[in-house]
C-alpha atoms as a PDB file:
ATOM      1  CA  MET A   1      74.033 165.888  76.969  1.00  0.00           C
ATOM      2  CA  THR A   2      74.560 162.101  76.381  1.00  0.00           C
ATOM      3  CA  LEU A   3      77.617 160.791  74.702  1.00  0.00           C
ATOM      4  CA  LYS A   4      76.500 157.719  72.635  1.00  0.00           C
ATOM      5  CA  HIS A   5      79.457 155.253  72.926  1.00  0.00           C
ATOM      6  CA  SER A   6      79.976 152.479  70.284  1.00  0.00           C
ATOM      7  CA  VAL A   7      81.141 148.821  71.138  1.00  0.00           C
ATOM      8  CA  PRO A   8      83.336 147.587  68.930  1.00  0.00           C
ATOM      9  CA  SER A   9      82.718 143.943  67.711  1.00  0.00           C
ATOM     10  CA  ALA A  10      84.061 141.309  69.510  1.00  0.00           C
ATOM     11  CA  PRO A  11      87.089 139.486  67.941  1.00  0.00           C
ATOM     12  CA  ASN A  12      86.208 137.266  65.220  1.00  0.00           C
ATOM     13  CA  GLN A  13      87.043 135.148  62.562  1.00  0.00           C
ATOM     14  CA  SER A  14      85.246 133.244  59.917  1.00  0.00           C
ATOM     15  CA  ILE A  15      86.000 130.621  56.336  1.00  0.00           C
ATOM     16  CA  ILE A  16      83.614 131.638  53.702  1.00  0.00           C
ATOM     17  CA  GLN A  17      82.972 130.102  50.204  1.00  0.00           C
ATOM     18  CA  GLY A  18      81.163 131.635  47.539  1.00  0.00           C
ATOM     19  CA  GLN A  19      81.011 133.127  43.976  1.00  0.00           C
ATOM     20  CA  ILE A  20      82.686 136.800  43.625  1.00  0.00           C
ATOM     21  CA  LEU A  21      79.724 138.867  42.269  1.00  0.00           C
ATOM     22  CA  LYS A  22      81.236 142.045  41.542  1.00  0.00           C
ATOM     23  CA  ILE A  23      84.720 143.775  41.989  1.00  0.00           C
ATOM     24  CA  GLU A  24      85.371 147.560  42.638  1.00  0.00           C
ATOM     25  CA  LYS A  25      87.838 149.872  44.092  1.00  0.00           C
ATOM     26  CA  GLY A  26      88.039 149.898  47.926  1.00  0.00           C
ATOM     27  CA  PRO A  27      87.147 152.846  49.846  1.00  0.00           C
ATOM     28  CA  GLU A  28      88.910 155.896  49.028  1.00  0.00           C
ATOM     29  CA  GLY A  29      90.315 154.095  45.757  1.00  0.00           C
ATOM     30  CA  ILE A  30      92.437 151.838  48.021  1.00  0.00           C
ATOM     31  CA  GLY A  31      92.430 148.061  47.248  1.00  0.00           C
ATOM     32  CA  ASN A  32      89.355 146.453  45.741  1.00  0.00           C
ATOM     33  CA  ALA A  33      85.675 145.582  47.516  1.00  0.00           C
ATOM     34  CA  TRP A  34      84.316 142.107  46.498  1.00  0.00           C
ATOM     35  CA  SER A  35      80.713 141.444  46.780  1.00  0.00           C
ATOM     36  CA  VAL A  36      80.551 137.822  47.450  1.00  0.00           C
ATOM     37  CA  LYS A  37      77.407 135.475  47.911  1.00  0.00           C
ATOM     38  CA  VAL A  38      78.354 133.407  50.837  1.00  0.00           C
ATOM     39  CA  GLU A  39      77.620 129.287  49.732  1.00  0.00           C
ATOM     40  CA  VAL A  40      79.094 128.128  52.975  1.00  0.00           C
ATOM     41  CA  THR A  41      80.840 129.364  56.414  1.00  0.00           C
ATOM     42  CA  GLN A  42      82.754 127.324  59.012  1.00  0.00           C
ATOM     43  CA  ASP A  43      84.028 128.613  62.061  1.00  0.00           C
ATOM     44  CA  VAL A  44      87.711 129.396  63.610  1.00  0.00           C
ATOM     45  CA  SER A  45      88.029 128.290  66.654  1.00  0.00           C
ATOM     46  CA  GLY A  46      88.722 130.171  69.330  1.00  0.00           C
ATOM     47  CA  TYR A  47      86.282 133.151  67.243  1.00  0.00           C
ATOM     48  CA  ALA A  48      82.933 134.249  66.735  1.00  0.00           C
ATOM     49  CA  ASN A  49      81.662 133.342  62.931  1.00  0.00           C
ATOM     50  CA  PHE A  50      80.048 136.681  62.449  1.00  0.00           C
ATOM     51  CA  ALA A  51      79.826 135.204  58.424  1.00  0.00           C
ATOM     52  CA  ASN A  52      76.634 132.907  59.507  1.00  0.00           C
ATOM     53  CA  ARG A  53      73.991 135.124  59.645  1.00  0.00           C
ATOM     54  CA  TYR A  54      74.746 136.045  55.930  1.00  0.00           C
ATOM     55  CA  LEU A  55      74.501 132.373  54.430  1.00  0.00           C
ATOM     56  CA  GLY A  56      73.061 132.662  51.165  1.00  0.00           C
ATOM     57  CA  LYS A  57      73.104 136.324  51.137  1.00  0.00           C
ATOM     58  CA  GLU A  58      75.950 138.868  49.406  1.00  0.00           C
ATOM     59  CA  ILE A  59      78.364 140.522  51.466  1.00  0.00           C
ATOM     60  CA  THR A  60      81.328 142.998  50.514  1.00  0.00           C
ATOM     61  CA  ILE A  61      85.108 141.864  51.738  1.00  0.00           C
ATOM     62  CA  LEU A  62      87.636 144.770  52.028  1.00  0.00           C
ATOM     63  CA  VAL A  63      90.789 143.683  50.277  1.00  0.00           C
ATOM     64  CA  HIS A  64      94.303 145.325  50.803  1.00  0.00           C
ATOM     65  CA  PRO A  65      95.802 146.712  48.071  1.00  0.00           C
ATOM     66  CA  GLU A  66      99.084 144.443  48.573  1.00  0.00           C
ATOM     67  CA  MET A  67      97.650 141.202  47.605  1.00  0.00           C
ATOM     68  CA  LYS A  68      99.490 139.799  44.856  1.00  0.00           C
ATOM     69  CA  LYS A  69      96.414 136.961  43.586  1.00  0.00           C
ATOM     70  CA  ALA A  70      94.206 138.069  40.767  1.00  0.00           C
ATOM     71  CA  PHE A  71      90.668 136.990  41.218  1.00  0.00           C
ATOM     72  CA  HIS A  72      87.330 137.871  38.260  1.00  0.00           C
ATOM     73  CA  ILE A  73      83.643 138.207  38.325  1.00  0.00           C
ATOM     74  CA  GLN A  74      82.071 134.740  38.826  1.00  0.00           C
ATOM     75  CA  ASP A  75      85.217 133.132  40.526  1.00  0.00           C
ATOM     76  CA  LYS A  76      84.176 130.637  43.217  1.00  0.00           C
ATOM     77  CA  ILE A  77      86.375 131.227  46.053  1.00  0.00           C
ATOM     78  CA  LYS A  78      87.279 130.254  50.190  1.00  0.00           C
ATOM     79  CA  ALA A  79      88.250 132.989  52.377  1.00  0.00           C
ATOM     80  CA  SER A  80      89.605 133.704  55.788  1.00  0.00           C
ATOM     81  CA  ILE A  81      87.639 137.571  56.923  1.00  0.00           C
ATOM     82  CA  PHE A  82      87.023 139.376  59.623  1.00  0.00           C
ATOM     83  CA  PHE A  83      84.690 142.038  60.609  1.00  0.00           C
ATOM     84  CA  GLN A  84      85.861 145.214  61.980  1.00  0.00           C
ATOM     85  CA  GLY A  85      83.063 147.698  63.264  1.00  0.00           C
ATOM     86  CA  ASP A  86      80.541 148.403  65.871  1.00  0.00           C
ATOM     87  CA  GLU A  87      76.705 148.037  66.136  1.00  0.00           C
ATOM     88  CA  ARG A  88      76.238 150.930  63.543  1.00  0.00           C
ATOM     89  CA  GLY A  89      78.453 149.033  60.297  1.00  0.00           C
ATOM     90  CA  GLY A  90      81.713 147.877  59.772  1.00  0.00           C
ATOM     91  CA  SER A  91      82.852 145.814  56.922  1.00  0.00           C
ATOM     92  CA  PHE A  92      84.178 142.191  56.510  1.00  0.00           C
ATOM     93  CA  PHE A  93      88.068 142.191  55.561  1.00  0.00           C
ATOM     94  CA  LEU A  94      90.205 139.801  53.811  1.00  0.00           C
ATOM     95  CA  ILE A  95      92.952 138.100  56.196  1.00  0.00           C
ATOM     96  CA  GLY A  96      96.211 139.102  54.409  1.00  0.00           C
ATOM     97  CA  ASP A  97      95.754 136.909  51.321  1.00  0.00           C
ATOM     98  CA  LYS A  98      93.922 133.896  52.669  1.00  0.00           C
ATOM     99  CA  VAL A  99      91.912 133.352  49.565  1.00  0.00           C
ATOM    100  CA  GLU A 100      92.044 130.741  46.834  1.00  0.00           C
ATOM    101  CA  MET A 101      89.790 129.627  43.861  1.00  0.00           C
ATOM    102  CA  ILE A 102      87.440 126.633  44.639  1.00  0.00           C
END
């Protein structure tokens, strides 16, 4: 029997700009999950930019439940995100409350 080991994603961080297309409850009802169309990505010095491959596409960003800022569908945002997962999948997460309207 061969066990398959997953390889966690490399340290990464991206700054994206895009439009919120949908807002839903996060996994298991915790926090929120935003569907965002990525219009611009920026590198963060010293980190891989995993959002770059999603330019012009929709991604889901998980937002922690303590976030105090309110956003709505159609809002244009600038957000700092990171990807956590492995070669089988994962998710983008908002870094703290590093998001603003543009």
